[in-house]
């Protein structure tokens, strides 16, 4: 969906977007690429580039977006087949890995919180250091809770689909709905 949307805005806008993104990078090659894109944009604005060539470039971008969309469709179809295989598996663990992961995260969270609470109560003079050290665990907890959140959301979506209800549109779909004319 995003490649098609980007292809629909055309070369001039894509050049401006990419140029502004490259300007943020502190690298001479990125700056040179941004300058080159700005130069092309200026020539387009002044009409120094043939409109037929611009139309051909836009068609090329659209074609590349179509190819990318087909590739993405194939990848998503494979993921869907894998998920259906998982859901229909007779192996109880394959079907129950999401709840198992949820229980493991809850157990680990409880153990860590309980241990931290005990350590602070028993050695209050080190409370500041203990709490500061705990911040180093934020990345691992961020990953674990993100995976858990995706698992819960995906299971909720699976249940909606199994009940014959359409899935809720994703955040990106809702954000892009005004641009694409889709109902989000």
Protein backbone atom coordinates (compact mmCIF):
# COMPACT_ATOMS: atom_id res chain seq x y z
CA UNK A 1 0.00 0.00 0.00
CA UNK A 2 2.77 2.46 0.89
CA UNK A 3 4.78 1.89 -2.33
CA UNK A 4 1.63 2.47 -4.38
CA UNK A 5 0.87 5.63 -2.43
CA UNK A 6 4.41 6.92 -2.90
CA UNK A 7 4.31 6.07 -6.60
CA UNK A 8 1.07 7.97 -6.97
CA UNK A 9 2.59 11.23 -5.70
CA UNK A 10 5.24 11.18 -8.42
CA UNK A 11 8.91 11.90 -8.83
CA UNK A 12 8.90 15.61 -7.83
CA UNK A 13 7.39 15.01 -4.39
CA UNK A 14 9.41 11.86 -3.82
CA UNK A 15 12.57 13.82 -4.61
CA UNK A 16 11.66 16.52 -2.09
CA UNK A 17 10.83 13.97 0.60
CA UNK A 18 14.01 11.97 0.12
CA UNK A 19 16.13 15.12 -0.11
CA UNK A 20 14.77 16.46 3.18
CA UNK A 21 15.43 13.10 4.83
CA UNK A 22 18.99 12.94 3.52
CA UNK A 23 19.74 16.46 4.78
CA UNK A 24 19.40 15.22 8.36
CA UNK A 25 22.20 12.70 7.89
CA UNK A 26 25.62 14.04 8.80
CA UNK A 27 27.47 12.50 5.86
CA UNK A 28 28.97 14.16 2.76
CA UNK A 29 27.51 11.52 0.41
CA UNK A 30 24.01 12.02 1.84
CA UNK A 31 24.38 15.81 1.51
CA UNK A 32 25.57 15.42 -2.11
CA UNK A 33 22.60 13.17 -2.90
CA UNK A 34 20.24 15.73 -1.33
CA UNK A 35 21.84 18.50 -3.41
CA UNK A 36 21.45 16.41 -6.57
CA UNK A 37 17.78 15.74 -5.80
CA UNK A 38 17.22 19.44 -5.12
CA UNK A 39 18.90 20.25 -8.45
CA UNK A 40 16.57 17.84 -10.28
CA UNK A 41 13.60 19.34 -8.41
CA UNK A 42 14.65 22.84 -9.45
CA UNK A 43 14.95 21.78 -13.08
CA UNK A 44 11.50 20.18 -12.88
CA UNK A 45 10.07 23.39 -11.39
CA UNK A 46 11.66 25.49 -14.16
CA UNK A 47 10.46 23.11 -16.88
CA UNK A 48 14.00 22.17 -17.91
CA UNK A 49 13.15 18.46 -17.88
CA UNK A 50 10.89 17.17 -20.62
CA UNK A 51 7.40 16.31 -19.36
CA UNK A 52 7.43 13.09 -21.40
CA UNK A 53 10.59 12.00 -19.62
CA UNK A 54 8.99 12.87 -16.27
CA UNK A 55 5.89 10.87 -17.20
CA UNK A 56 8.10 7.91 -18.17
CA UNK A 57 9.95 8.18 -14.84
CA UNK A 58 6.64 8.26 -12.95
CA UNK A 59 5.46 5.16 -14.87
CA UNK A 60 8.72 3.45 -13.95
CA UNK A 61 8.20 4.26 -10.25
CA UNK A 62 4.63 2.96 -10.48
CA UNK A 63 5.88 -0.26 -12.13
CA UNK A 64 8.52 -0.75 -9.44
CA UNK A 65 5.82 -0.19 -6.79
CA UNK A 66 3.63 -2.83 -8.46
CA UNK A 67 6.52 -5.31 -8.47
CA UNK A 68 7.24 -4.55 -4.80
CA UNK A 69 3.54 -4.93 -3.93
CA UNK A 70 3.40 -8.33 -5.66
CA UNK A 71 6.50 -9.43 -3.77
CA UNK A 72 4.96 -8.24 -0.50
CA UNK A 73 1.76 -10.12 -1.35
CA UNK A 74 3.73 -13.33 -1.88
CA UNK A 75 5.57 -12.85 1.42
CA UNK A 76 2.32 -12.17 3.30
CA UNK A 77 0.69 -15.20 1.67
CA UNK A 78 3.55 -17.38 2.92
CA UNK A 79 3.24 -15.90 6.42
CA UNK A 80 -0.50 -16.53 6.31
CA UNK A 81 0.06 -20.18 5.29
CA UNK A 82 2.55 -20.58 8.13
CA UNK A 83 0.09 -19.08 10.63
CA UNK A 84 -2.74 -21.30 9.39
CA UNK A 85 -0.49 -24.34 9.72
CA UNK A 86 0.36 -23.27 13.26
CA UNK A 87 -3.30 -22.75 14.14
CA UNK A 88 -4.36 -26.12 12.75
CA UNK A 89 -1.47 -28.07 14.26
CA UNK A 90 -2.33 -31.03 16.44
CA UNK A 91 0.72 -30.29 18.61
CA UNK A 92 -0.64 -28.55 21.73
CA UNK A 93 2.52 -26.52 22.27
CA UNK A 94 2.47 -25.07 18.74
CA UNK A 95 -1.13 -23.94 19.29
CA UNK A 96 -0.41 -22.65 22.82
CA UNK A 97 2.91 -20.82 22.47
CA UNK A 98 1.24 -17.41 22.82
CA UNK A 99 -0.28 -18.12 26.24
CA UNK A 100 2.95 -19.84 27.31
CA UNK A 101 4.92 -16.74 26.39
CA UNK A 102 2.42 -14.56 28.26
CA UNK A 103 2.71 -16.67 31.40
CA UNK A 104 6.53 -16.64 31.15
CA UNK A 105 6.59 -12.84 30.87
CA UNK A 106 4.18 -12.49 33.80
CA UNK A 107 6.26 -14.87 35.92
CA UNK A 108 9.51 -13.09 35.07
CA UNK A 109 7.95 -9.67 35.74
CA UNK A 110 6.61 -10.87 39.10
CA UNK A 111 9.95 -12.40 40.09
CA UNK A 112 11.88 -9.28 39.15
CA UNK A 113 9.46 -6.92 40.87
CA UNK A 114 9.32 -9.12 43.97
CA UNK A 115 13.11 -9.42 44.10
CA UNK A 116 13.56 -5.68 43.62
CA UNK A 117 11.00 -4.88 46.31
CA UNK A 118 12.66 -7.31 48.73
CA UNK A 119 16.13 -5.87 47.99
CA UNK A 120 14.95 -2.29 48.53
CA UNK A 121 13.17 -3.15 51.79
CA UNK A 122 16.11 -5.16 53.14
CA UNK A 123 18.84 -2.72 51.98
CA UNK A 124 17.24 0.73 51.71
CA UNK A 125 20.66 2.40 51.53
CA UNK A 126 21.09 0.87 48.05
CA UNK A 127 17.56 1.69 46.80
CA UNK A 128 18.76 4.40 44.41
CA UNK A 129 21.41 2.17 42.89
CA UNK A 130 18.96 -0.73 42.57
CA UNK A 131 16.37 1.41 40.81
CA UNK A 132 19.03 2.93 38.54
CA UNK A 133 20.31 -0.55 37.66
CA UNK A 134 16.77 -1.64 36.84
CA UNK A 135 16.61 0.94 34.04
CA UNK A 136 19.17 -1.14 32.14
CA UNK A 137 16.49 -3.80 31.78
CA UNK A 138 14.15 -1.47 29.89
CA UNK A 139 15.26 -2.67 26.45
CA UNK A 140 14.69 -6.34 27.19
CA UNK A 141 11.35 -5.60 28.84
CA UNK A 142 10.42 -3.37 25.94
CA UNK A 143 11.01 -6.23 23.53
CA UNK A 144 9.23 -8.81 25.68
CA UNK A 145 6.20 -6.61 26.27
CA UNK A 146 6.07 -5.63 22.60
CA UNK A 147 6.01 -9.29 21.57
CA UNK A 148 3.35 -9.96 24.20
CA UNK A 149 1.28 -7.01 22.96
CA UNK A 150 1.48 -8.22 19.38
CA UNK A 151 0.49 -11.73 20.51
CA UNK A 152 -2.56 -10.41 22.35
CA UNK A 153 -3.59 -8.16 19.45
CA UNK A 154 -3.10 -10.95 16.92
CA UNK A 155 -5.11 -13.43 19.00
CA UNK A 156 -7.91 -10.87 19.33
CA UNK A 157 -7.87 -10.41 15.56
CA UNK A 158 -7.93 -14.19 15.04
CA UNK A 159 -10.99 -14.46 17.27
CA UNK A 160 -12.79 -11.65 15.37
CA UNK A 161 -12.09 -13.32 12.02
CA UNK A 162 -13.19 -16.73 13.37
CA UNK A 163 -16.45 -15.08 14.50
CA UNK A 164 -17.00 -13.78 10.96
CA UNK A 165 -16.23 -10.14 11.78
CA UNK A 166 -13.85 -8.03 9.71
CA UNK A 167 -10.52 -7.25 11.36
CA UNK A 168 -9.95 -3.74 12.66
CA UNK A 169 -7.85 -1.62 10.33
CA UNK A 170 -4.28 -1.08 11.51
CA UNK A 171 -2.89 2.25 12.65
CA UNK A 172 -1.14 2.84 9.33
CA UNK A 173 -4.36 2.09 7.44
CA UNK A 174 -6.25 4.62 9.59
CA UNK A 175 -3.56 7.28 9.11
CA UNK A 176 -3.42 6.80 5.34
CA UNK A 177 -7.22 6.55 4.87
CA UNK A 178 -7.67 10.30 4.22
CA UNK A 179 -4.95 10.18 1.56
CA UNK A 180 -6.13 7.02 -0.19
CA UNK A 181 -9.87 7.58 0.13
CA UNK A 182 -10.26 4.29 1.98
CA UNK A 183 -12.52 4.00 4.96
CA UNK A 184 -10.35 3.63 8.04
